[in-house]
C-alpha atoms as a PDB file:
ATOM      1  CA  MET A   1      19.942 -33.207 -21.916  1.00  0.00           C
ATOM      2  CA  VAL A   2      20.442 -31.619 -18.515  1.00  0.00           C
ATOM      3  CA  PRO A   3      22.861 -32.654 -15.742  1.00  0.00           C
ATOM      4  CA  ILE A   4      21.169 -34.037 -12.643  1.00  0.00           C
ATOM      5  CA  PHE A   5      23.873 -35.872 -10.693  1.00  0.00           C
ATOM      6  CA  ILE A   6      27.647 -36.145 -10.285  1.00  0.00           C
ATOM      7  CA  ALA A   7      28.855 -39.414  -8.775  1.00  0.00           C
ATOM      8  CA  GLN A   8      32.198 -39.141  -6.999  1.00  0.00           C
ATOM      9  CA  THR A   9      32.794 -42.892  -6.667  1.00  0.00           C
ATOM     10  CA  LEU A  10      32.166 -45.959  -8.778  1.00  0.00           C
ATOM     11  CA  ARG A  11      29.863 -47.377  -6.117  1.00  0.00           C
ATOM     12  CA  GLU A  12      27.759 -44.213  -6.114  1.00  0.00           C
ATOM     13  CA  ALA A  13      27.564 -44.240  -9.933  1.00  0.00           C
ATOM     14  CA  GLN A  14      26.415 -47.851  -9.869  1.00  0.00           C
ATOM     15  CA  ARG A  15      23.650 -47.003  -7.363  1.00  0.00           C
ATOM     16  CA  VAL A  16      22.415 -44.161  -9.571  1.00  0.00           C
ATOM     17  CA  GLU A  17      22.511 -46.330 -12.703  1.00  0.00           C
ATOM     18  CA  GLU A  18      20.556 -49.079 -10.964  1.00  0.00           C
ATOM     19  CA  LEU A  19      17.959 -46.656  -9.622  1.00  0.00           C
ATOM     20  CA  LEU A  20      17.398 -44.824 -12.911  1.00  0.00           C
ATOM     21  CA  THR A  21      17.296 -48.079 -14.878  1.00  0.00           C
ATOM     22  CA  ARG A  22      14.739 -49.609 -12.475  1.00  0.00           C
ATOM     23  CA  ARG A  23      12.587 -46.489 -12.902  1.00  0.00           C
ATOM     24  CA  GLY A  24      12.758 -46.757 -16.698  1.00  0.00           C
ATOM     25  CA  VAL A  25      14.603 -43.455 -17.162  1.00  0.00           C
ATOM     26  CA  ASP A  26      16.791 -42.956 -20.229  1.00  0.00           C
ATOM     27  CA  TYR A  27      20.053 -41.282 -19.250  1.00  0.00           C
ATOM     28  CA  GLU A  28      23.579 -40.582 -20.439  1.00  0.00           C
ATOM     29  CA  VAL A  29      26.764 -40.723 -18.393  1.00  0.00           C
ATOM     30  CA  GLN A  30      29.994 -38.846 -19.083  1.00  0.00           C
ATOM     31  CA  VAL A  31      33.211 -38.602 -17.103  1.00  0.00           C
ATOM     32  CA  GLU A  32      33.756 -34.966 -16.136  1.00  0.00           C
ATOM     33  CA  LEU A  33      36.060 -32.898 -13.966  1.00  0.00           C
ATOM     34  CA  PHE A  34      34.371 -31.834 -10.728  1.00  0.00           C
ATOM     35  CA  GLY A  35      37.207 -30.458  -8.623  1.00  0.00           C
ATOM     36  CA  TYR A  36      40.763 -30.662  -7.408  1.00  0.00           C
ATOM     37  CA  THR A  37      42.433 -32.174  -4.352  1.00  0.00           C
ATOM     38  CA  LEU A  38      44.421 -30.032  -1.930  1.00  0.00           C
ATOM     39  CA  LEU A  39      47.571 -31.015  -3.793  1.00  0.00           C
ATOM     40  CA  GLY A  40      46.118 -29.912  -7.135  1.00  0.00           C
ATOM     41  CA  SER A  41      45.271 -33.305  -8.610  1.00  0.00           C
ATOM     42  CA  ALA A  42      42.176 -33.364 -10.801  1.00  0.00           C
ATOM     43  CA  ARG A  43      39.097 -35.221  -9.498  1.00  0.00           C
ATOM     44  CA  TYR A  44      36.726 -36.767 -12.008  1.00  0.00           C
ATOM     45  CA  GLY A  45      33.242 -38.145 -11.568  1.00  0.00           C
ATOM     46  CA  ALA A  46      30.385 -39.657 -13.529  1.00  0.00           C
ATOM     47  CA  MET A  47      27.942 -36.942 -14.647  1.00  0.00           C
ATOM     48  CA  PHE A  48      24.405 -38.181 -15.274  1.00  0.00           C
ATOM     49  CA  TYR A  49      22.200 -36.431 -17.828  1.00  0.00           C
ATOM     50  CA  VAL A  50      18.477 -36.848 -18.517  1.00  0.00           C
ATOM     51  CA  THR A  51      15.970 -35.099 -20.757  1.00  0.00           C
ATOM     52  CA  ALA A  52      14.522 -31.853 -19.418  1.00  0.00           C
ATOM     53  CA  GLY A  53      11.123 -33.461 -18.956  1.00  0.00           C
ATOM     54  CA  HIS A  54      12.503 -36.019 -16.485  1.00  0.00           C
ATOM     55  CA  GLU A  55      14.888 -33.845 -14.483  1.00  0.00           C
ATOM     56  CA  ASP A  56      12.586 -32.955 -11.562  1.00  0.00           C
ATOM     57  CA  TYR A  57      11.384 -36.552 -11.208  1.00  0.00           C
ATOM     58  CA  CYS A  58      14.957 -37.878 -11.258  1.00  0.00           C
ATOM     59  CA  ARG A  59      16.238 -35.331  -8.746  1.00  0.00           C
ATOM     60  CA  SER A  60      13.476 -36.143  -6.260  1.00  0.00           C
ATOM     61  CA  THR A  61      13.984 -39.882  -6.809  1.00  0.00           C
ATOM     62  CA  LEU A  62      17.707 -39.578  -6.105  1.00  0.00           C
ATOM     63  CA  MET A  63      17.121 -37.452  -3.001  1.00  0.00           C
ATOM     64  CA  ASP A  64      14.576 -39.971  -1.706  1.00  0.00           C
ATOM     65  CA  ALA A  65      17.261 -42.660  -2.122  1.00  0.00           C
ATOM     66  CA  ASP A  66      19.687 -40.715   0.137  1.00  0.00           C
ATOM     67  CA  LEU A  67      21.828 -39.594  -2.797  1.00  0.00           C
ATOM     68  CA  SER A  68      21.207 -35.874  -2.328  1.00  0.00           C
ATOM     69  CA  LEU A  69      24.906 -34.963  -1.993  1.00  0.00           C
ATOM     70  CA  GLY A  70      25.539 -35.467  -5.712  1.00  0.00           C
ATOM     71  CA  VAL A  71      22.275 -33.980  -7.000  1.00  0.00           C
ATOM     72  CA  ILE A  72      22.821 -30.951  -9.222  1.00  0.00           C
ATOM     73  CA  GLU A  73      20.219 -28.323  -8.504  1.00  0.00           C
ATOM     74  CA  LYS A  74      18.133 -26.933 -11.314  1.00  0.00           C
ATOM     75  CA  GLU A  75      19.354 -23.590 -12.640  1.00  0.00           C
ATOM     76  CA  TYR A  76      16.614 -21.016 -12.778  1.00  0.00           C
ATOM     77  CA  LYS A  77      17.011 -18.226 -15.287  1.00  0.00           C
ATOM     78  CA  ASP A  78      15.300 -14.893 -14.859  1.00  0.00           C
ATOM     79  CA  ALA A  79      12.965 -14.106 -17.725  1.00  0.00           C
END
């Protein structure tokens, strides 16, 4: 499974869940640390994972739905 999206709010996570479910995509969600506030408090979000074969489709679908801010870009490794 590869990470494709980090939702920073419950509303955003619900939009992603609805979109992926409507498209018939199997996914997993885990709560993960994504940063800290200026005062040092931890910030958590909902990390969405899909199989490697669906990652490009899901990323483009999320970007088309104006959710590009939370999309996690694909990591390219040099061969």
